[in-house]
Amino acid sequence: MNPITALTGPVFLTDPLFDPPEPAPDCDVCGALLEQWRRASVVGAPEYDPSRASDFAVEIRRHPHGKGRRT
């Protein structure tokens, strides 16, 4: 038996900054967050900050849109 001890081809890792989060349609909050995500994810832009871009993406994905806890 021949165990495989090395990768057989290239490995491609995804970068969450380049996969835009999907905001809910007609949601002003998601739209504003998406715009902030765009500004924070453009390499070389004055507002470029991968950590903040990631935070914005998480916030968009977790935005409740009326679901969950009620006040």
N, C-alpha and C. Protein backbone atom coordinates (compact mmCIF):
# COMPACT_ATOMS: atom_id res chain seq x y z
N MET A 1 0.84 -1.18 0.00
CA MET A 1 0.00 0.00 0.00
C MET A 1 0.89 1.25 0.00
N ASN A 2 0.52 2.24 -0.80
CA ASN A 2 1.27 3.46 -0.91
C ASN A 2 0.50 4.62 -0.26
N PRO A 3 0.87 5.04 0.93
CA PRO A 3 0.16 6.16 1.54
C PRO A 3 0.54 7.47 0.84
N ILE A 4 -0.43 8.34 0.70
CA ILE A 4 -0.18 9.65 0.10
C ILE A 4 0.38 10.56 1.18
N THR A 5 1.57 11.07 0.95
CA THR A 5 2.22 11.91 1.95
C THR A 5 2.37 13.36 1.49
N ALA A 6 1.94 13.65 0.30
CA ALA A 6 2.04 15.02 -0.21
C ALA A 6 0.77 15.35 -0.99
N LEU A 7 0.53 16.63 -1.16
CA LEU A 7 -0.62 17.06 -1.96
C LEU A 7 -0.36 16.72 -3.42
N THR A 8 -1.41 16.37 -4.11
CA THR A 8 -1.26 15.99 -5.51
C THR A 8 -1.48 17.15 -6.47
N GLY A 9 -1.92 18.27 -5.97
CA GLY A 9 -2.17 19.43 -6.83
C GLY A 9 -2.21 20.70 -6.00
N PRO A 10 -2.43 21.82 -6.65
CA PRO A 10 -2.46 23.09 -5.91
C PRO A 10 -3.68 23.17 -4.98
N VAL A 11 -3.52 23.91 -3.94
CA VAL A 11 -4.59 24.15 -2.98
C VAL A 11 -5.05 25.59 -3.15
N PHE A 12 -6.34 25.81 -3.27
CA PHE A 12 -6.88 27.15 -3.41
C PHE A 12 -7.72 27.48 -2.19
N LEU A 13 -7.35 28.52 -1.50
CA LEU A 13 -8.09 28.96 -0.33
C LEU A 13 -8.98 30.12 -0.73
N THR A 14 -10.15 30.15 -0.18
CA THR A 14 -11.05 31.26 -0.48
C THR A 14 -10.77 32.41 0.48
N ASP A 15 -10.99 33.59 0.02
CA ASP A 15 -10.81 34.78 0.84
C ASP A 15 -12.18 35.39 1.06
N PRO A 16 -12.66 35.44 2.32
CA PRO A 16 -14.01 35.95 2.57
C PRO A 16 -14.19 37.41 2.17
N LEU A 17 -13.10 38.15 2.03
CA LEU A 17 -13.22 39.55 1.63
C LEU A 17 -13.65 39.68 0.17
N PHE A 18 -13.35 38.67 -0.63
CA PHE A 18 -13.66 38.77 -2.05
C PHE A 18 -14.97 38.09 -2.41
N ASP A 19 -15.60 37.47 -1.46
CA ASP A 19 -16.93 36.93 -1.66
C ASP A 19 -17.90 37.88 -0.98
N PRO A 20 -18.51 38.78 -1.74
CA PRO A 20 -19.36 39.78 -1.10
C PRO A 20 -20.50 39.14 -0.32
N PRO A 21 -20.78 39.66 0.86
CA PRO A 21 -21.93 39.16 1.60
C PRO A 21 -23.20 39.52 0.84
N GLU A 22 -24.23 38.74 1.03
CA GLU A 22 -25.49 38.98 0.32
C GLU A 22 -26.48 39.67 1.25
N PRO A 23 -26.69 40.97 1.05
CA PRO A 23 -27.66 41.69 1.89
C PRO A 23 -29.08 41.32 1.50
N ALA A 24 -29.98 41.48 2.44
CA ALA A 24 -31.39 41.24 2.15
C ALA A 24 -31.89 42.34 1.20
N PRO A 25 -32.72 41.98 0.22
CA PRO A 25 -33.24 42.99 -0.70
C PRO A 25 -34.04 44.06 0.05
N ASP A 26 -33.89 45.28 -0.36
CA ASP A 26 -34.64 46.42 0.18
C ASP A 26 -34.38 46.67 1.66
N CYS A 27 -33.24 46.22 2.19
CA CYS A 27 -32.90 46.48 3.60
C CYS A 27 -31.88 47.61 3.63
N ASP A 28 -32.27 48.75 4.16
CA ASP A 28 -31.38 49.91 4.22
C ASP A 28 -30.15 49.64 5.08
N VAL A 29 -30.33 48.91 6.18
CA VAL A 29 -29.20 48.60 7.06
C VAL A 29 -28.18 47.75 6.32
N CYS A 30 -28.66 46.69 5.66
CA CYS A 30 -27.76 45.83 4.89
C CYS A 30 -27.07 46.62 3.77
N GLY A 31 -27.79 47.49 3.13
CA GLY A 31 -27.22 48.30 2.06
C GLY A 31 -26.10 49.18 2.56
N ALA A 32 -26.29 49.81 3.72
CA ALA A 32 -25.26 50.66 4.30
C ALA A 32 -24.05 49.83 4.73
N LEU A 33 -24.31 48.68 5.31
CA LEU A 33 -23.20 47.80 5.72
C LEU A 33 -22.42 47.29 4.51
N LEU A 34 -23.13 46.98 3.42
CA LEU A 34 -22.46 46.52 2.22
C LEU A 34 -21.54 47.60 1.66
N GLU A 35 -22.00 48.83 1.67
CA GLU A 35 -21.16 49.93 1.19
C GLU A 35 -19.92 50.09 2.06
N GLN A 36 -20.07 49.96 3.36
CA GLN A 36 -18.90 50.04 4.26
C GLN A 36 -17.97 48.85 4.01
N TRP A 37 -18.54 47.66 3.76
CA TRP A 37 -17.73 46.49 3.46
C TRP A 37 -16.92 46.73 2.19
N ARG A 38 -17.56 47.30 1.17
CA ARG A 38 -16.85 47.56 -0.09
C ARG A 38 -15.67 48.50 0.11
N ARG A 39 -15.88 49.58 0.85
CA ARG A 39 -14.80 50.54 1.08
C ARG A 39 -13.66 49.91 1.89
N ALA A 40 -13.99 49.05 2.83
CA ALA A 40 -12.97 48.43 3.68
C ALA A 40 -12.25 47.28 2.99
N SER A 41 -12.79 46.77 1.90
CA SER A 41 -12.19 45.60 1.26
C SER A 41 -11.41 45.91 -0.02
N VAL A 42 -11.34 47.17 -0.42
CA VAL A 42 -10.60 47.54 -1.63
C VAL A 42 -9.14 47.79 -1.26
N VAL A 43 -8.27 46.89 -1.74
CA VAL A 43 -6.84 47.00 -1.45
C VAL A 43 -6.31 48.32 -2.01
N GLY A 44 -5.60 49.06 -1.19
CA GLY A 44 -5.02 50.33 -1.61
C GLY A 44 -5.90 51.53 -1.34
N ALA A 45 -7.16 51.31 -1.01
CA ALA A 45 -8.07 52.42 -0.70
C ALA A 45 -7.72 52.97 0.68
N PRO A 46 -8.00 54.25 0.92
CA PRO A 46 -7.70 54.83 2.23
C PRO A 46 -8.40 54.12 3.39
N GLU A 47 -9.56 53.56 3.13
CA GLU A 47 -10.33 52.90 4.19
C GLU A 47 -10.09 51.39 4.24
N TYR A 48 -9.11 50.90 3.48
CA TYR A 48 -8.83 49.46 3.42
C TYR A 48 -8.48 48.93 4.81
N ASP A 49 -9.24 47.94 5.26
CA ASP A 49 -9.02 47.31 6.55
C ASP A 49 -9.69 45.94 6.52
N PRO A 50 -8.92 44.89 6.23
CA PRO A 50 -9.51 43.55 6.09
C PRO A 50 -10.28 43.09 7.32
N SER A 51 -9.82 43.48 8.49
CA SER A 51 -10.51 43.08 9.72
C SER A 51 -11.89 43.71 9.79
N ARG A 52 -11.97 45.00 9.49
CA ARG A 52 -13.27 45.68 9.49
C ARG A 52 -14.18 45.13 8.40
N ALA A 53 -13.61 44.83 7.23
CA ALA A 53 -14.41 44.25 6.15
C ALA A 53 -15.03 42.93 6.59
N SER A 54 -14.25 42.13 7.28
CA SER A 54 -14.76 40.86 7.79
C SER A 54 -15.87 41.10 8.81
N ASP A 55 -15.69 42.08 9.67
CA ASP A 55 -16.73 42.42 10.66
C ASP A 55 -18.03 42.84 9.98
N PHE A 56 -17.91 43.65 8.93
CA PHE A 56 -19.11 44.09 8.20
C PHE A 56 -19.81 42.90 7.53
N ALA A 57 -19.03 41.98 6.96
CA ALA A 57 -19.61 40.81 6.31
C ALA A 57 -20.38 39.95 7.32
N VAL A 58 -19.80 39.77 8.49
CA VAL A 58 -20.47 38.99 9.54
C VAL A 58 -21.75 39.69 9.97
N GLU A 59 -21.69 41.01 10.13
CA GLU A 59 -22.87 41.77 10.56
C GLU A 59 -23.99 41.66 9.52
N ILE A 60 -23.65 41.71 8.25
CA ILE A 60 -24.67 41.57 7.20
C ILE A 60 -25.30 40.18 7.27
N ARG A 61 -24.46 39.16 7.40
CA ARG A 61 -24.98 37.79 7.44
C ARG A 61 -25.84 37.53 8.67
N ARG A 62 -25.57 38.23 9.76
CA ARG A 62 -26.31 38.01 11.00
C ARG A 62 -27.47 38.98 11.20
N HIS A 63 -27.64 39.94 10.31
CA HIS A 63 -28.72 40.92 10.47
C HIS A 63 -30.06 40.19 10.48
N PRO A 64 -30.86 40.38 11.51
CA PRO A 64 -32.05 39.53 11.72
C PRO A 64 -33.22 39.75 10.77
N HIS A 65 -33.42 40.92 10.22
CA HIS A 65 -34.54 41.20 9.34
C HIS A 65 -35.88 40.79 9.95
N GLY A 66 -36.05 41.16 11.21
CA GLY A 66 -37.32 40.90 11.89
C GLY A 66 -37.42 39.53 12.51
N LYS A 67 -36.38 38.72 12.43
CA LYS A 67 -36.43 37.36 13.01
C LYS A 67 -35.75 37.37 14.37
N GLY A 68 -36.06 36.37 15.16
CA GLY A 68 -35.36 36.20 16.44
C GLY A 68 -36.03 36.91 17.58
N ARG A 69 -35.23 37.50 18.45
CA ARG A 69 -35.72 38.09 19.68
C ARG A 69 -36.66 39.27 19.42
N ARG A 70 -37.72 39.34 20.16
CA ARG A 70 -38.66 40.45 20.02
C ARG A 70 -38.54 41.38 21.21
N THR A 71 -38.74 42.66 20.94
CA THR A 71 -38.66 43.65 22.04
C THR A 71 -40.03 44.10 22.46
